[in-house]
Protein backbone atom coordinates (compact mmCIF):
# COMPACT_ATOMS: atom_id res chain seq x y z
CA UNK A 1 90.88 110.45 95.18
CA UNK A 2 89.80 108.69 98.30
CA UNK A 3 92.47 107.79 100.91
CA UNK A 4 91.11 104.81 101.19
CA UNK A 5 91.15 104.19 97.29
CA UNK A 6 94.75 105.12 97.57
CA UNK A 7 95.38 102.76 100.06
CA UNK A 8 93.96 100.10 98.50
CA UNK A 9 95.84 100.45 95.64
CA UNK A 10 99.17 101.45 97.71
CA UNK A 11 99.75 100.20 100.82
CA UNK A 12 102.20 98.43 99.61
CA UNK A 13 104.56 100.68 98.68
CA UNK A 14 103.37 103.05 101.26
CA UNK A 15 105.13 101.00 103.80
CA UNK A 16 108.48 100.35 102.21
CA UNK A 17 107.18 96.42 100.99
CA UNK A 18 107.29 97.89 96.91
CA UNK A 19 109.14 100.22 95.41
CA UNK A 20 106.05 101.30 92.91
CA UNK A 21 102.47 100.90 92.28
CA UNK A 22 100.44 101.53 89.36
CA UNK A 23 96.69 102.63 89.24
CA UNK A 24 94.43 104.01 86.92
CA UNK A 25 91.97 106.96 88.72
CA UNK A 26 89.01 109.31 87.20
CA UNK A 27 89.30 112.28 87.73
CA UNK A 28 86.98 115.52 85.93
CA UNK A 29 89.48 117.18 84.42
CA UNK A 30 93.43 116.96 83.92
CA UNK A 31 93.49 119.94 85.65
CA UNK A 32 91.61 118.72 88.52
CA UNK A 33 94.19 115.64 88.18
CA UNK A 34 97.46 118.26 88.19
CA UNK A 35 95.77 119.86 91.50
CA UNK A 36 95.23 116.07 93.60
CA UNK A 37 98.35 115.24 92.77
CA UNK A 38 100.06 118.32 93.40
CA UNK A 39 98.46 117.87 97.06
CA UNK A 40 99.34 113.82 97.49
CA UNK A 41 103.11 115.53 96.71
CA UNK A 42 103.38 117.86 99.51
CA UNK A 43 101.63 115.27 101.98
CA UNK A 44 103.82 112.25 101.33
CA UNK A 45 107.01 112.98 99.58
CA UNK A 46 108.00 114.74 102.87
CA UNK A 47 108.11 110.16 103.35
CA UNK A 48 109.63 110.10 100.31
CA UNK A 49 106.99 109.38 98.18
CA UNK A 50 106.01 110.66 94.80
CA UNK A 51 103.39 110.69 92.07
CA UNK A 52 103.15 111.09 89.53
CA UNK A 53 100.90 110.71 85.90
CA UNK A 54 101.81 108.19 83.57
CA UNK A 55 99.70 108.39 80.86
CA UNK A 56 95.99 110.62 80.40
CA UNK A 57 93.08 108.68 78.40
CA UNK A 58 89.55 109.46 78.37
CA UNK A 59 88.89 111.27 81.49
CA UNK A 60 91.23 109.08 83.35
CA UNK A 61 94.41 108.93 84.66
CA UNK A 62 97.80 105.71 84.95
CA UNK A 63 99.16 106.74 87.98
CA UNK A 64 102.64 105.62 89.89
CA UNK A 65 103.12 106.02 93.40
CA UNK A 66 106.78 105.47 93.72
CA UNK A 67 109.54 106.02 96.30
CA UNK A 68 112.06 107.54 93.53
CA UNK A 69 114.95 106.64 96.04
CA UNK A 70 114.07 102.71 95.77
CA UNK A 71 113.42 102.64 91.87
CA UNK A 72 116.97 104.36 91.18
CA UNK A 73 118.78 101.88 93.79
CA UNK A 74 116.22 98.90 91.68
CA UNK A 75 117.16 99.86 88.62
CA UNK A 76 121.29 99.99 89.24
CA UNK A 77 120.33 96.05 89.10
CA UNK A 78 122.91 94.87 86.26
CA UNK A 79 119.55 92.57 85.02
CA UNK A 80 116.99 95.15 85.33
CA UNK A 81 120.17 97.26 82.89
CA UNK A 82 120.50 94.91 80.70
CA UNK A 83 116.44 94.08 79.86
CA UNK A 84 116.11 98.42 79.60
CA UNK A 85 118.49 98.18 77.60
CA UNK A 86 116.88 95.93 75.52
CA UNK A 87 113.89 98.17 75.25
CA UNK A 88 115.72 101.25 74.21
CA UNK A 89 116.19 103.02 77.00
CA UNK A 90 119.40 104.68 76.22
CA UNK A 91 120.41 106.31 80.07
CA UNK A 92 120.09 104.90 83.70
CA UNK A 93 118.84 107.14 85.55
CA UNK A 94 115.64 106.99 87.18
CA UNK A 95 114.38 110.73 85.37
CA UNK A 96 115.52 109.48 82.62
CA UNK A 97 114.20 106.15 82.36
CA UNK A 98 110.79 107.49 83.48
CA UNK A 99 110.77 109.30 81.28
CA UNK A 100 111.75 106.23 78.61
CA UNK A 101 108.21 104.42 79.95
CA UNK A 102 105.79 107.27 79.66
CA UNK A 103 106.26 107.37 76.43
CA UNK A 104 106.18 103.56 75.80
CA UNK A 105 102.78 104.00 77.48
CA UNK A 106 101.47 106.69 75.43
CA UNK A 107 102.29 105.15 72.68
CA UNK A 108 100.77 101.47 73.21
CA UNK A 109 97.54 100.88 74.68
CA UNK A 110 98.92 98.24 76.83
CA UNK A 111 102.07 98.27 79.50
CA UNK A 112 105.90 97.65 77.92
CA UNK A 113 106.41 94.13 79.51
CA UNK A 114 109.67 96.21 81.60
CA UNK A 115 107.17 97.54 83.39
CA UNK A 116 107.25 95.02 86.80
CA UNK A 117 111.11 96.81 87.05
CA UNK A 118 109.75 100.63 88.06
CA UNK A 119 107.11 98.29 90.78
CA UNK A 120 110.09 96.74 92.80
CA UNK A 121 108.93 93.23 90.90
CA UNK A 122 112.67 90.71 90.79
CA UNK A 123 114.71 91.62 87.68
CA UNK A 124 114.13 87.51 87.08
CA UNK A 125 110.61 87.48 87.11
CA UNK A 126 110.07 90.57 84.93
CA UNK A 127 113.14 88.75 82.98
CA UNK A 128 111.09 85.41 82.85
CA UNK A 129 108.00 87.54 81.67
CA UNK A 130 110.11 88.89 78.50
CA UNK A 131 111.63 85.52 77.15
CA UNK A 132 110.25 82.29 79.16
CA UNK A 133 106.71 83.49 79.02
CA UNK A 134 105.91 79.29 79.43
CA UNK A 135 108.07 78.73 82.53
CA UNK A 136 105.78 80.75 84.70
CA UNK A 137 105.79 78.45 88.21
CA UNK A 138 103.52 80.77 89.87
CA UNK A 139 100.97 83.99 89.23
CA UNK A 140 100.55 86.51 91.91
CA UNK A 141 100.96 90.09 92.38
CA UNK A 142 103.32 89.36 89.21
CA UNK A 143 104.19 86.23 87.17
CA UNK A 144 107.41 84.38 89.08
CA UNK A 145 109.44 82.38 87.22
CA UNK A 146 112.44 82.06 89.94
CA UNK A 147 112.14 82.34 93.64
CA UNK A 148 108.70 80.87 93.79
CA UNK A 149 109.84 80.93 97.95
CA UNK A 150 110.34 84.25 98.27
CA UNK A 151 107.61 85.25 95.61
CA UNK A 152 104.79 83.77 97.80
CA UNK A 153 105.76 85.14 101.08
CA UNK A 154 106.11 89.09 99.33
CA UNK A 155 102.94 88.25 98.31
CA UNK A 156 101.67 87.55 101.58
CA UNK A 157 102.94 90.15 102.91
CA UNK A 158 101.43 92.60 100.70
CA UNK A 159 97.82 91.46 100.97
CA UNK A 160 98.26 91.78 104.74
CA UNK A 161 99.79 95.59 104.58
CA UNK A 162 97.01 96.40 102.88
CA UNK A 163 94.09 94.65 105.23
CA UNK A 164 96.19 96.32 108.54
CA UNK A 165 96.14 99.61 106.30
CA UNK A 166 92.75 99.51 105.68
CA UNK A 167 91.44 99.09 109.02
CA UNK A 168 94.26 101.27 110.81
CA UNK A 169 91.90 104.14 108.64
CA UNK A 170 88.70 102.86 109.51
CA UNK A 171 89.78 103.91 112.98
CA UNK A 172 91.15 107.11 111.99
CA UNK A 173 94.57 107.40 111.20
CA UNK A 174 95.73 110.29 108.65
CA UNK A 175 97.12 108.97 105.05
CA UNK A 176 100.18 110.58 106.23
CA UNK A 177 100.66 108.92 109.68
CA UNK A 178 100.11 105.42 107.71
CA UNK A 179 102.91 106.30 104.88
CA UNK A 180 106.41 105.38 106.39
CA UNK A 181 109.42 107.15 106.00
CA UNK A 182 111.57 105.37 103.51
């Protein structure tokens, strides 16, 4: 996987604007994927980032680049805990939640509705997606049901971040340098 591809998919997480990003990537084998993710975790781990495979199918992995400390904070939100409980998550710790998410992703072709909680989407918007789908006020990186102005600003920040990171990469900045410690 190229640094450019990772930046296109995950710049906002690398810049501490989001908790995480999910994306698909093809690999020659599961072993090649494991080796690549091990290298990336060594490079980015000291910046507070972690990448792991959520699902493997037909030579493609669904990958998750995230900030464990930020995810822990996000999942402690009372509305997040309520939504996770509704989806069968019995423990609130990050490891248990990730294990449950992985199991749900492997069991189904689609994405469970609570996935937004793992990506840093506002819990009120995840709740809206789960319970009030016809009340969506704005579509962007996610469907917005609550604070449209705040979401629109976040969408703009994420787009701008990706543009800036791609320009910096083109000017010789390394992935290690672009990733913000957090």
